[in-house]
């Protein structure tokens, strides 16, 4: 596996438990929107690796990662505790969760840090001058766990885009429940769907979309473990 190194440029809070980590690679990393990289770390003399989706566009000079701090999770805490100037070993990009030739409408469905690849895909759609409608359904427990809201809403200037946060544990004026509830409301049979998040959610949403008549070939997904 080919690897290189990147310097940590910035670490900022995205929510109480999620950090956005900006990396400056020492050499150009070419990737497609939606792909992921391995991050390597030393754990008691053992070299370990974990996969993280790239949350920035391929044309940007930096790579951004969206990392949730997990209790007793070595890599997540290692990354969330990073400070600017630290050096990380990273891999070449991998993954087939990339934009297909878009259909009439696109729906992105994510929970938690599963929204990361869509933050690479959305500016890619803008660059392609995509003329259809894009719906981003994002599931979170509470309002302060909604990620990238300002960034996504800002993209409405260049894409026909709707952002639909869905909260499961807080009363508010927007959508309530789980992403599955919003999918029933916003998904269209003739569209293209991209799903990213934990396995159970991805499986349930895939089954739901197929039951609604969406072509299985138009349902793209990536499971987070």
C-alpha atoms as a PDB file:
ATOM      1  CA  UNK A   1       0.000   0.000   0.000  1.00  0.00           C
ATOM      2  CA  UNK A   2       1.403   3.367  -1.007  1.00  0.00           C
ATOM      3  CA  UNK A   3       1.488   5.939   1.792  1.00  0.00           C
ATOM      4  CA  UNK A   4       2.640   9.494   2.335  1.00  0.00           C
ATOM      5  CA  UNK A   5       2.583  12.017   5.159  1.00  0.00           C
ATOM      6  CA  UNK A   6       0.449  15.031   5.943  1.00  0.00           C
ATOM      7  CA  UNK A   7       0.748  17.818   8.483  1.00  0.00           C
ATOM      8  CA  UNK A   8      -2.198  18.680  10.687  1.00  0.00           C
ATOM      9  CA  UNK A   9      -3.154  22.213   9.699  1.00  0.00           C
ATOM     10  CA  UNK A  10      -6.287  22.806  11.764  1.00  0.00           C
ATOM     11  CA  UNK A  11      -8.533  21.025  14.258  1.00  0.00           C
ATOM     12  CA  UNK A  12     -11.917  22.578  14.980  1.00  0.00           C
ATOM     13  CA  UNK A  13     -15.130  21.584  16.706  1.00  0.00           C
ATOM     14  CA  UNK A  14     -18.076  20.646  14.496  1.00  0.00           C
ATOM     15  CA  UNK A  15     -20.244  19.466  17.398  1.00  0.00           C
ATOM     16  CA  UNK A  16     -19.689  18.480  21.045  1.00  0.00           C
ATOM     17  CA  UNK A  17     -18.271  15.118  19.902  1.00  0.00           C
ATOM     18  CA  UNK A  18     -17.039  15.701  16.332  1.00  0.00           C
ATOM     19  CA  UNK A  19     -13.884  17.416  15.080  1.00  0.00           C
ATOM     20  CA  UNK A  20     -13.022  18.600  11.585  1.00  0.00           C
ATOM     21  CA  UNK A  21      -9.343  17.900  10.974  1.00  0.00           C
ATOM     22  CA  UNK A  22      -7.598  19.625   8.063  1.00  0.00           C
ATOM     23  CA  UNK A  23      -4.484  17.951   6.683  1.00  0.00           C
ATOM     24  CA  UNK A  24      -1.843  19.370   4.359  1.00  0.00           C
ATOM     25  CA  UNK A  25      -0.365  16.423   2.407  1.00  0.00           C
ATOM     26  CA  UNK A  26       3.337  16.519   1.635  1.00  0.00           C
ATOM     27  CA  UNK A  27       2.515  15.435  -1.916  1.00  0.00           C
ATOM     28  CA  UNK A  28      -0.551  15.815  -4.112  1.00  0.00           C
ATOM     29  CA  UNK A  29      -3.291  13.294  -3.308  1.00  0.00           C
ATOM     30  CA  UNK A  30      -5.546  12.598  -6.287  1.00  0.00           C
ATOM     31  CA  UNK A  31      -8.936  11.167  -5.413  1.00  0.00           C
ATOM     32  CA  UNK A  32     -12.558  11.118  -6.491  1.00  0.00           C
ATOM     33  CA  UNK A  33     -15.315  12.755  -4.462  1.00  0.00           C
ATOM     34  CA  UNK A  34     -16.625  10.160  -2.008  1.00  0.00           C
ATOM     35  CA  UNK A  35     -13.424   8.155  -1.541  1.00  0.00           C
ATOM     36  CA  UNK A  36     -11.619   7.461   1.737  1.00  0.00           C
ATOM     37  CA  UNK A  37      -8.083   7.151   3.074  1.00  0.00           C
ATOM     38  CA  UNK A  38      -6.394   5.198   5.848  1.00  0.00           C
ATOM     39  CA  UNK A  39      -4.859   7.036   8.784  1.00  0.00           C
ATOM     40  CA  UNK A  40      -2.026   5.210  10.551  1.00  0.00           C
ATOM     41  CA  UNK A  41      -0.975   5.416  14.190  1.00  0.00           C
ATOM     42  CA  UNK A  42       1.281   3.621  16.623  1.00  0.00           C
ATOM     43  CA  UNK A  43      -0.535   1.835  19.451  1.00  0.00           C
ATOM     44  CA  UNK A  44       1.900   0.390  21.942  1.00  0.00           C
ATOM     45  CA  UNK A  45       4.373  -0.542  19.239  1.00  0.00           C
ATOM     46  CA  UNK A  46       1.701  -1.868  16.884  1.00  0.00           C
ATOM     47  CA  UNK A  47       0.935   0.032  13.682  1.00  0.00           C
ATOM     48  CA  UNK A  48      -2.817   0.330  13.275  1.00  0.00           C
ATOM     49  CA  UNK A  49      -4.970   1.942  10.610  1.00  0.00           C
ATOM     50  CA  UNK A  50      -8.518   3.246  10.331  1.00  0.00           C
ATOM     51  CA  UNK A  51     -10.482   4.429   7.297  1.00  0.00           C
ATOM     52  CA  UNK A  52     -11.920   7.956   7.066  1.00  0.00           C
ATOM     53  CA  UNK A  53     -13.868   9.504   4.205  1.00  0.00           C
ATOM     54  CA  UNK A  54     -12.439  12.692   2.745  1.00  0.00           C
ATOM     55  CA  UNK A  55     -14.809  15.588   3.436  1.00  0.00           C
ATOM     56  CA  UNK A  56     -13.207  18.060   1.026  1.00  0.00           C
ATOM     57  CA  UNK A  57     -13.283  18.445  -2.748  1.00  0.00           C
ATOM     58  CA  UNK A  58     -10.472  16.867  -4.821  1.00  0.00           C
ATOM     59  CA  UNK A  59      -9.406  20.287  -6.134  1.00  0.00           C
ATOM     60  CA  UNK A  60      -8.805  21.688  -2.650  1.00  0.00           C
ATOM     61  CA  UNK A  61      -5.196  21.714  -1.412  1.00  0.00           C
ATOM     62  CA  UNK A  62      -6.091  20.223   1.973  1.00  0.00           C
ATOM     63  CA  UNK A  63      -7.807  17.014   3.011  1.00  0.00           C
ATOM     64  CA  UNK A  64     -10.515  17.364   5.633  1.00  0.00           C
ATOM     65  CA  UNK A  65     -11.665  14.539   7.882  1.00  0.00           C
ATOM     66  CA  UNK A  66     -14.802  14.415  10.012  1.00  0.00           C
ATOM     67  CA  UNK A  67     -13.953  12.459  13.165  1.00  0.00           C
ATOM     68  CA  UNK A  68     -16.245  11.531  16.041  1.00  0.00           C
ATOM     69  CA  UNK A  69     -14.667  10.992  19.426  1.00  0.00           C
ATOM     70  CA  UNK A  70     -15.613   7.497  20.577  1.00  0.00           C
ATOM     71  CA  UNK A  71     -15.159   6.406  24.171  1.00  0.00           C
ATOM     72  CA  UNK A  72     -12.251   3.944  24.341  1.00  0.00           C
ATOM     73  CA  UNK A  73     -11.697   4.386  20.608  1.00  0.00           C
ATOM     74  CA  UNK A  74      -7.931   4.695  20.239  1.00  0.00           C
ATOM     75  CA  UNK A  75      -7.802   6.223  16.761  1.00  0.00           C
ATOM     76  CA  UNK A  76     -10.726   8.609  17.205  1.00  0.00           C
ATOM     77  CA  UNK A  77      -9.244  10.013  20.422  1.00  0.00           C
ATOM     78  CA  UNK A  78      -5.766  10.097  18.882  1.00  0.00           C
ATOM     79  CA  UNK A  79      -7.084  12.244  16.026  1.00  0.00           C
ATOM     80  CA  UNK A  80      -9.417  14.427  18.076  1.00  0.00           C
ATOM     81  CA  UNK A  81      -6.503  15.295  20.379  1.00  0.00           C
ATOM     82  CA  UNK A  82      -4.271  16.305  17.458  1.00  0.00           C
ATOM     83  CA  UNK A  83      -2.693  19.754  17.406  1.00  0.00           C
ATOM     84  CA  UNK A  84      -1.542  21.775  14.381  1.00  0.00           C
ATOM     85  CA  UNK A  85       1.894  20.824  13.158  1.00  0.00           C
ATOM     86  CA  UNK A  86       1.665  17.132  13.991  1.00  0.00           C
ATOM     87  CA  UNK A  87       2.550  14.739  11.189  1.00  0.00           C
ATOM     88  CA  UNK A  88       0.365  11.796  10.164  1.00  0.00           C
ATOM     89  CA  UNK A  89       0.931   8.892   7.821  1.00  0.00           C
ATOM     90  CA  UNK A  90      -1.912   8.514   5.337  1.00  0.00           C
ATOM     91  CA  UNK A  91      -2.684   6.131   2.491  1.00  0.00           C
ATOM     92  CA  UNK A  92      -3.633   6.572  -1.112  1.00  0.00           C
ATOM     93  CA  UNK A  93      -7.418   6.932  -1.628  1.00  0.00           C
ATOM     94  CA  UNK A  94      -9.731   3.944  -1.901  1.00  0.00           C
ATOM     95  CA  UNK A  95     -13.408   3.308  -2.476  1.00  0.00           C
ATOM     96  CA  UNK A  96     -16.138   2.976  -5.077  1.00  0.00           C
ATOM     97  CA  UNK A  97     -18.695   5.196  -3.308  1.00  0.00           C
ATOM     98  CA  UNK A  98     -18.439   7.910  -5.933  1.00  0.00           C
ATOM     99  CA  UNK A  99     -20.844   9.932  -8.041  1.00  0.00           C
ATOM    100  CA  UNK A 100     -22.455   8.023 -10.855  1.00  0.00           C
ATOM    101  CA  UNK A 101     -23.898   9.828 -13.846  1.00  0.00           C
ATOM    102  CA  UNK A 102     -26.662  11.632 -11.948  1.00  0.00           C
ATOM    103  CA  UNK A 103     -30.309  10.961 -12.629  1.00  0.00           C
ATOM    104  CA  UNK A 104     -33.027  13.578 -12.552  1.00  0.00           C
ATOM    105  CA  UNK A 105     -32.840  14.075  -8.790  1.00  0.00           C
ATOM    106  CA  UNK A 106     -30.357  13.022  -6.119  1.00  0.00           C
ATOM    107  CA  UNK A 107     -30.961  12.226  -2.466  1.00  0.00           C
ATOM    108  CA  UNK A 108     -28.073  11.990   0.007  1.00  0.00           C
ATOM    109  CA  UNK A 109     -28.920  10.194   3.264  1.00  0.00           C
ATOM    110  CA  UNK A 110     -26.522  10.202   6.207  1.00  0.00           C
ATOM    111  CA  UNK A 111     -26.258   9.924   9.951  1.00  0.00           C
ATOM    112  CA  UNK A 112     -23.368  11.247  12.033  1.00  0.00           C
ATOM    113  CA  UNK A 113     -20.009  11.441  10.310  1.00  0.00           C
ATOM    114  CA  UNK A 114     -21.528   9.531   7.398  1.00  0.00           C
ATOM    115  CA  UNK A 115     -22.126  12.967   5.918  1.00  0.00           C
ATOM    116  CA  UNK A 116     -18.385  13.350   5.219  1.00  0.00           C
ATOM    117  CA  UNK A 117     -18.285  11.957   1.648  1.00  0.00           C
ATOM    118  CA  UNK A 118     -21.230  14.160   0.686  1.00  0.00           C
ATOM    119  CA  UNK A 119     -19.185  17.233   1.620  1.00  0.00           C
ATOM    120  CA  UNK A 120     -16.883  16.189  -1.202  1.00  0.00           C
ATOM    121  CA  UNK A 121     -19.686  15.271  -3.613  1.00  0.00           C
ATOM    122  CA  UNK A 122     -21.740  18.463  -3.251  1.00  0.00           C
ATOM    123  CA  UNK A 123     -19.062  20.836  -4.597  1.00  0.00           C
ATOM    124  CA  UNK A 124     -18.349  18.264  -7.314  1.00  0.00           C
ATOM    125  CA  UNK A 125     -21.980  18.521  -8.421  1.00  0.00           C
ATOM    126  CA  UNK A 126     -21.659  22.301  -8.445  1.00  0.00           C
ATOM    127  CA  UNK A 127     -18.558  22.058 -10.652  1.00  0.00           C
ATOM    128  CA  UNK A 128     -20.417  19.748 -13.035  1.00  0.00           C
ATOM    129  CA  UNK A 129     -23.224  22.328 -13.170  1.00  0.00           C
ATOM    130  CA  UNK A 130     -25.697  19.650 -12.154  1.00  0.00           C
ATOM    131  CA  UNK A 131     -29.184  20.859 -13.036  1.00  0.00           C
ATOM    132  CA  UNK A 132     -31.339  18.497 -10.992  1.00  0.00           C
ATOM    133  CA  UNK A 133     -32.469  18.799  -7.397  1.00  0.00           C
ATOM    134  CA  UNK A 134     -30.381  17.514  -4.489  1.00  0.00           C
ATOM    135  CA  UNK A 135     -31.902  16.620  -1.119  1.00  0.00           C
ATOM    136  CA  UNK A 136     -29.580  16.021   1.836  1.00  0.00           C
ATOM    137  CA  UNK A 137     -31.264  14.132   4.684  1.00  0.00           C
ATOM    138  CA  UNK A 138     -29.139  14.130   7.818  1.00  0.00           C
ATOM    139  CA  UNK A 139     -30.017  12.265  10.993  1.00  0.00           C
ATOM    140  CA  UNK A 140     -28.866  13.402  14.434  1.00  0.00           C
ATOM    141  CA  UNK A 141     -30.087  13.052  17.979  1.00  0.00           C
ATOM    142  CA  UNK A 142     -30.061  16.739  18.918  1.00  0.00           C
ATOM    143  CA  UNK A 143     -29.736  20.138  17.247  1.00  0.00           C
ATOM    144  CA  UNK A 144     -26.125  20.624  18.328  1.00  0.00           C
ATOM    145  CA  UNK A 145     -25.163  17.370  16.600  1.00  0.00           C
ATOM    146  CA  UNK A 146     -26.239  18.608  13.149  1.00  0.00           C
ATOM    147  CA  UNK A 147     -23.053  18.840  11.092  1.00  0.00           C
ATOM    148  CA  UNK A 148     -22.163  21.188   8.222  1.00  0.00           C
ATOM    149  CA  UNK A 149     -25.466  23.060   8.254  1.00  0.00           C
ATOM    150  CA  UNK A 150     -23.963  26.444   7.351  1.00  0.00           C
ATOM    151  CA  UNK A 151     -21.722  24.961   4.676  1.00  0.00           C
ATOM    152  CA  UNK A 152     -24.555  23.034   3.035  1.00  0.00           C
ATOM    153  CA  UNK A 153     -26.989  25.938   3.123  1.00  0.00           C
ATOM    154  CA  UNK A 154     -24.311  28.147   1.566  1.00  0.00           C
ATOM    155  CA  UNK A 155     -24.158  25.759  -1.398  1.00  0.00           C
ATOM    156  CA  UNK A 156     -27.761  26.561  -2.284  1.00  0.00           C
ATOM    157  CA  UNK A 157     -26.294  29.504  -4.197  1.00  0.00           C
ATOM    158  CA  UNK A 158     -24.750  27.104  -6.730  1.00  0.00           C
ATOM    159  CA  UNK A 159     -26.925  23.958  -6.509  1.00  0.00           C
ATOM    160  CA  UNK A 160     -30.678  23.390  -6.361  1.00  0.00           C
ATOM    161  CA  UNK A 161     -30.358  21.980  -2.867  1.00  0.00           C
ATOM    162  CA  UNK A 162     -32.521  21.213   0.169  1.00  0.00           C
ATOM    163  CA  UNK A 163     -31.023  20.338   3.556  1.00  0.00           C
ATOM    164  CA  UNK A 164     -33.283  18.262   5.800  1.00  0.00           C
ATOM    165  CA  UNK A 165     -31.950  17.613   9.322  1.00  0.00           C
ATOM    166  CA  UNK A 166     -33.941  14.979  11.231  1.00  0.00           C
ATOM    167  CA  UNK A 167     -33.745  14.939  15.036  1.00  0.00           C
ATOM    168  CA  UNK A 168     -34.581  11.832  17.047  1.00  0.00           C
ATOM    169  CA  UNK A 169     -34.232  13.110  20.623  1.00  0.00           C
ATOM    170  CA  UNK A 170     -35.133  16.785  20.600  1.00  0.00           C
ATOM    171  CA  UNK A 171     -38.322  18.684  19.903  1.00  0.00           C
ATOM    172  CA  UNK A 172     -37.997  21.350  17.235  1.00  0.00           C
ATOM    173  CA  UNK A 173     -39.837  22.847  14.264  1.00  0.00           C
ATOM    174  CA  UNK A 174     -38.131  20.637  11.662  1.00  0.00           C
ATOM    175  CA  UNK A 175     -38.335  16.944  10.846  1.00  0.00           C
ATOM    176  CA  UNK A 176     -38.489  14.562  13.813  1.00  0.00           C
ATOM    177  CA  UNK A 177     -37.797  10.844  14.151  1.00  0.00           C
ATOM    178  CA  UNK A 178     -35.257   8.992  12.043  1.00  0.00           C
ATOM    179  CA  UNK A 179     -33.927   9.399   8.517  1.00  0.00           C
ATOM    180  CA  UNK A 180     -36.215   6.582   7.391  1.00  0.00           C
ATOM    181  CA  UNK A 181     -39.213   8.807   8.164  1.00  0.00           C
ATOM    182  CA  UNK A 182     -37.831  11.630   6.032  1.00  0.00           C
ATOM    183  CA  UNK A 183     -36.906   9.272   3.198  1.00  0.00           C
ATOM    184  CA  UNK A 184     -40.561   8.272   2.865  1.00  0.00           C
ATOM    185  CA  UNK A 185     -41.417  11.949   2.479  1.00  0.00           C
ATOM    186  CA  UNK A 186     -38.642  13.194   0.197  1.00  0.00           C
ATOM    187  CA  UNK A 187     -37.378  10.285  -1.940  1.00  0.00           C
ATOM    188  CA  UNK A 188     -38.606   9.962  -5.524  1.00  0.00           C
ATOM    189  CA  UNK A 189     -38.748   6.671  -7.489  1.00  0.00           C
ATOM    190  CA  UNK A 190     -36.917   8.083 -10.509  1.00  0.00           C
ATOM    191  CA  UNK A 191     -33.995   9.526  -8.580  1.00  0.00           C
ATOM    192  CA  UNK A 192     -30.517   8.522  -7.499  1.00  0.00           C
ATOM    193  CA  UNK A 193     -29.789   7.699  -3.851  1.00  0.00           C
ATOM    194  CA  UNK A 194     -26.546   7.727  -1.876  1.00  0.00           C
ATOM    195  CA  UNK A 195     -26.554   6.396   1.697  1.00  0.00           C
ATOM    196  CA  UNK A 196     -23.749   6.545   4.256  1.00  0.00           C
ATOM    197  CA  UNK A 197     -23.780   5.647   7.932  1.00  0.00           C
ATOM    198  CA  UNK A 198     -24.047   2.722  10.300  1.00  0.00           C
ATOM    199  CA  UNK A 199     -24.935  -0.666   8.842  1.00  0.00           C
ATOM    200  CA  UNK A 200     -28.446  -0.941  10.289  1.00  0.00           C
ATOM    201  CA  UNK A 201     -29.527   2.450   8.975  1.00  0.00           C
ATOM    202  CA  UNK A 202     -28.023   1.804   5.548  1.00  0.00           C
ATOM    203  CA  UNK A 203     -29.731  -1.583   5.275  1.00  0.00           C
ATOM    204  CA  UNK A 204     -33.120  -0.253   6.348  1.00  0.00           C
ATOM    205  CA  UNK A 205     -32.971   2.740   4.001  1.00  0.00           C
ATOM    206  CA  UNK A 206     -31.922   0.554   1.066  1.00  0.00           C
ATOM    207  CA  UNK A 207     -34.882  -1.749   1.674  1.00  0.00           C
ATOM    208  CA  UNK A 208     -37.193   1.231   2.051  1.00  0.00           C
ATOM    209  CA  UNK A 209     -36.053   2.824  -1.211  1.00  0.00           C
ATOM    210  CA  UNK A 210     -36.398  -0.436  -3.117  1.00  0.00           C
ATOM    211  CA  UNK A 211     -39.896  -0.821  -1.685  1.00  0.00           C
ATOM    212  CA  UNK A 212     -40.710   2.673  -2.947  1.00  0.00           C
ATOM    213  CA  UNK A 213     -39.769   1.626  -6.467  1.00  0.00           C
ATOM    214  CA  UNK A 214     -36.260   3.046  -6.738  1.00  0.00           C
ATOM    215  CA  UNK A 215     -34.068   1.080  -9.138  1.00  0.00           C
ATOM    216  CA  UNK A 216     -31.539  -0.966  -7.142  1.00  0.00           C
ATOM    217  CA  UNK A 217     -28.806   0.145  -9.556  1.00  0.00           C
ATOM    218  CA  UNK A 218     -29.558   3.729  -8.537  1.00  0.00           C
ATOM    219  CA  UNK A 219     -28.977   3.062  -4.836  1.00  0.00           C
ATOM    220  CA  UNK A 220     -25.348   3.608  -3.794  1.00  0.00           C
ATOM    221  CA  UNK A 221     -24.183   3.030  -0.244  1.00  0.00           C
ATOM    222  CA  UNK A 222     -21.250   2.851   2.125  1.00  0.00           C
ATOM    223  CA  UNK A 223     -21.345   1.286   5.577  1.00  0.00           C
ATOM    224  CA  UNK A 224     -19.525   2.858   8.509  1.00  0.00           C
ATOM    225  CA  UNK A 225     -18.388   0.434  11.177  1.00  0.00           C
END
